[in-house]
């Protein structure tokens, strides 16, 4: 059977969905970590939050590379000395 073009989703929609899904996952983990009274549970939530954050940054970098999303704006600090490299 030949492939049918359904126009349901394209690469831009898929990348945007992954970006928002990772962000939503991060928000859920953060909320549950802040509500937990147990430190071991909080630590597990925080580890998963940081893992999701890495995926979130990766999705954004891929999307920018493929020109599916715009790069994030950079904000220059005002009245702060630059850190020597």
C-alpha atoms as a PDB file:
ATOM      1  CA  UNK A   1       0.000   0.000   0.000  1.00  0.00           C
ATOM      2  CA  UNK A   2       1.461   3.409  -0.868  1.00  0.00           C
ATOM      3  CA  UNK A   3       2.089   6.051   1.776  1.00  0.00           C
ATOM      4  CA  UNK A   4      -0.702   8.576   2.157  1.00  0.00           C
ATOM      5  CA  UNK A   5       0.032  12.205   2.872  1.00  0.00           C
ATOM      6  CA  UNK A   6      -2.330  13.100   5.699  1.00  0.00           C
ATOM      7  CA  UNK A   7      -0.818  16.518   6.521  1.00  0.00           C
ATOM      8  CA  UNK A   8      -1.401  15.715  10.183  1.00  0.00           C
ATOM      9  CA  UNK A   9       2.085  16.491  11.500  1.00  0.00           C
ATOM     10  CA  UNK A  10       5.370  17.703  10.153  1.00  0.00           C
ATOM     11  CA  UNK A  11       8.876  18.022  11.595  1.00  0.00           C
ATOM     12  CA  UNK A  12       8.188  21.443  13.104  1.00  0.00           C
ATOM     13  CA  UNK A  13       5.094  20.178  14.939  1.00  0.00           C
ATOM     14  CA  UNK A  14       6.973  17.127  16.224  1.00  0.00           C
ATOM     15  CA  UNK A  15       9.889  19.165  17.560  1.00  0.00           C
ATOM     16  CA  UNK A  16       7.576  21.715  19.172  1.00  0.00           C
ATOM     17  CA  UNK A  17       5.573  18.919  20.788  1.00  0.00           C
ATOM     18  CA  UNK A  18       8.762  17.354  22.195  1.00  0.00           C
ATOM     19  CA  UNK A  19       9.897  20.751  23.487  1.00  0.00           C
ATOM     20  CA  UNK A  20       6.621  21.409  25.310  1.00  0.00           C
ATOM     21  CA  UNK A  21       6.368  17.808  26.558  1.00  0.00           C
ATOM     22  CA  UNK A  22       9.824  18.012  28.139  1.00  0.00           C
ATOM     23  CA  UNK A  23       8.928  21.371  29.698  1.00  0.00           C
ATOM     24  CA  UNK A  24       5.654  19.968  31.089  1.00  0.00           C
ATOM     25  CA  UNK A  25       7.493  16.958  32.499  1.00  0.00           C
ATOM     26  CA  UNK A  26       9.971  19.284  34.211  1.00  0.00           C
ATOM     27  CA  UNK A  27       7.148  21.323  35.730  1.00  0.00           C
ATOM     28  CA  UNK A  28       5.407  18.199  37.078  1.00  0.00           C
ATOM     29  CA  UNK A  29       8.606  16.851  38.626  1.00  0.00           C
ATOM     30  CA  UNK A  30       9.399  20.207  40.206  1.00  0.00           C
ATOM     31  CA  UNK A  31       5.898  20.525  41.679  1.00  0.00           C
ATOM     32  CA  UNK A  32       5.930  17.022  43.151  1.00  0.00           C
ATOM     33  CA  UNK A  33       9.445  17.483  44.545  1.00  0.00           C
ATOM     34  CA  UNK A  34       8.409  20.639  46.346  1.00  0.00           C
ATOM     35  CA  UNK A  35       5.363  18.891  47.855  1.00  0.00           C
ATOM     36  CA  UNK A  36       7.212  15.824  49.122  1.00  0.00           C
ATOM     37  CA  UNK A  37       8.241  15.666  52.765  1.00  0.00           C
ATOM     38  CA  UNK A  38      10.739  12.852  52.191  1.00  0.00           C
ATOM     39  CA  UNK A  39      14.271  13.848  51.223  1.00  0.00           C
ATOM     40  CA  UNK A  40      14.933  10.682  49.195  1.00  0.00           C
ATOM     41  CA  UNK A  41      11.821  11.333  47.121  1.00  0.00           C
ATOM     42  CA  UNK A  42      12.783  14.978  46.655  1.00  0.00           C
ATOM     43  CA  UNK A  43      16.278  13.961  45.534  1.00  0.00           C
ATOM     44  CA  UNK A  44      14.838  11.547  42.962  1.00  0.00           C
ATOM     45  CA  UNK A  45      12.501  14.228  41.625  1.00  0.00           C
ATOM     46  CA  UNK A  46      15.356  16.728  41.350  1.00  0.00           C
ATOM     47  CA  UNK A  47      17.550  14.220  39.465  1.00  0.00           C
ATOM     48  CA  UNK A  48      14.737  13.560  36.993  1.00  0.00           C
ATOM     49  CA  UNK A  49      14.096  17.293  36.650  1.00  0.00           C
ATOM     50  CA  UNK A  50      17.705  17.867  35.616  1.00  0.00           C
ATOM     51  CA  UNK A  51      17.558  14.930  33.208  1.00  0.00           C
ATOM     52  CA  UNK A  52      14.428  16.393  31.616  1.00  0.00           C
ATOM     53  CA  UNK A  53      16.130  19.778  31.428  1.00  0.00           C
ATOM     54  CA  UNK A  54      18.975  18.250  29.397  1.00  0.00           C
ATOM     55  CA  UNK A  55      16.404  16.765  26.978  1.00  0.00           C
ATOM     56  CA  UNK A  56      14.631  20.115  26.826  1.00  0.00           C
ATOM     57  CA  UNK A  57      17.857  21.917  25.855  1.00  0.00           C
ATOM     58  CA  UNK A  58      18.696  19.194  23.329  1.00  0.00           C
ATOM     59  CA  UNK A  59      15.284  19.439  21.645  1.00  0.00           C
ATOM     60  CA  UNK A  60      15.720  23.187  21.354  1.00  0.00           C
ATOM     61  CA  UNK A  61      19.238  22.916  19.905  1.00  0.00           C
ATOM     62  CA  UNK A  62      18.060  20.390  17.307  1.00  0.00           C
ATOM     63  CA  UNK A  63      15.108  22.582  16.388  1.00  0.00           C
ATOM     64  CA  UNK A  64      17.321  25.658  15.979  1.00  0.00           C
ATOM     65  CA  UNK A  65      19.842  23.669  13.942  1.00  0.00           C
ATOM     66  CA  UNK A  66      17.095  22.468  11.584  1.00  0.00           C
ATOM     67  CA  UNK A  67      15.598  25.978  11.501  1.00  0.00           C
ATOM     68  CA  UNK A  68      12.321  24.769  13.012  1.00  0.00           C
ATOM     69  CA  UNK A  69      12.533  27.168  15.972  1.00  0.00           C
ATOM     70  CA  UNK A  70      14.239  30.491  16.561  1.00  0.00           C
ATOM     71  CA  UNK A  71      17.235  30.679  18.892  1.00  0.00           C
ATOM     72  CA  UNK A  72      16.606  31.978  22.376  1.00  0.00           C
ATOM     73  CA  UNK A  73      17.422  35.650  22.832  1.00  0.00           C
ATOM     74  CA  UNK A  74      20.531  36.571  24.754  1.00  0.00           C
ATOM     75  CA  UNK A  75      20.335  39.167  27.473  1.00  0.00           C
ATOM     76  CA  UNK A  76      23.445  41.129  28.323  1.00  0.00           C
ATOM     77  CA  UNK A  77      23.808  41.931  32.034  1.00  0.00           C
ATOM     78  CA  UNK A  78      23.814  45.612  32.875  1.00  0.00           C
ATOM     79  CA  UNK A  79      26.389  47.193  35.162  1.00  0.00           C
ATOM     80  CA  UNK A  80      28.126  43.913  35.885  1.00  0.00           C
ATOM     81  CA  UNK A  81      31.822  43.313  35.361  1.00  0.00           C
ATOM     82  CA  UNK A  82      32.667  40.674  32.773  1.00  0.00           C
ATOM     83  CA  UNK A  83      34.212  37.444  34.016  1.00  0.00           C
ATOM     84  CA  UNK A  84      37.704  37.020  32.536  1.00  0.00           C
ATOM     85  CA  UNK A  85      38.145  33.850  30.552  1.00  0.00           C
END
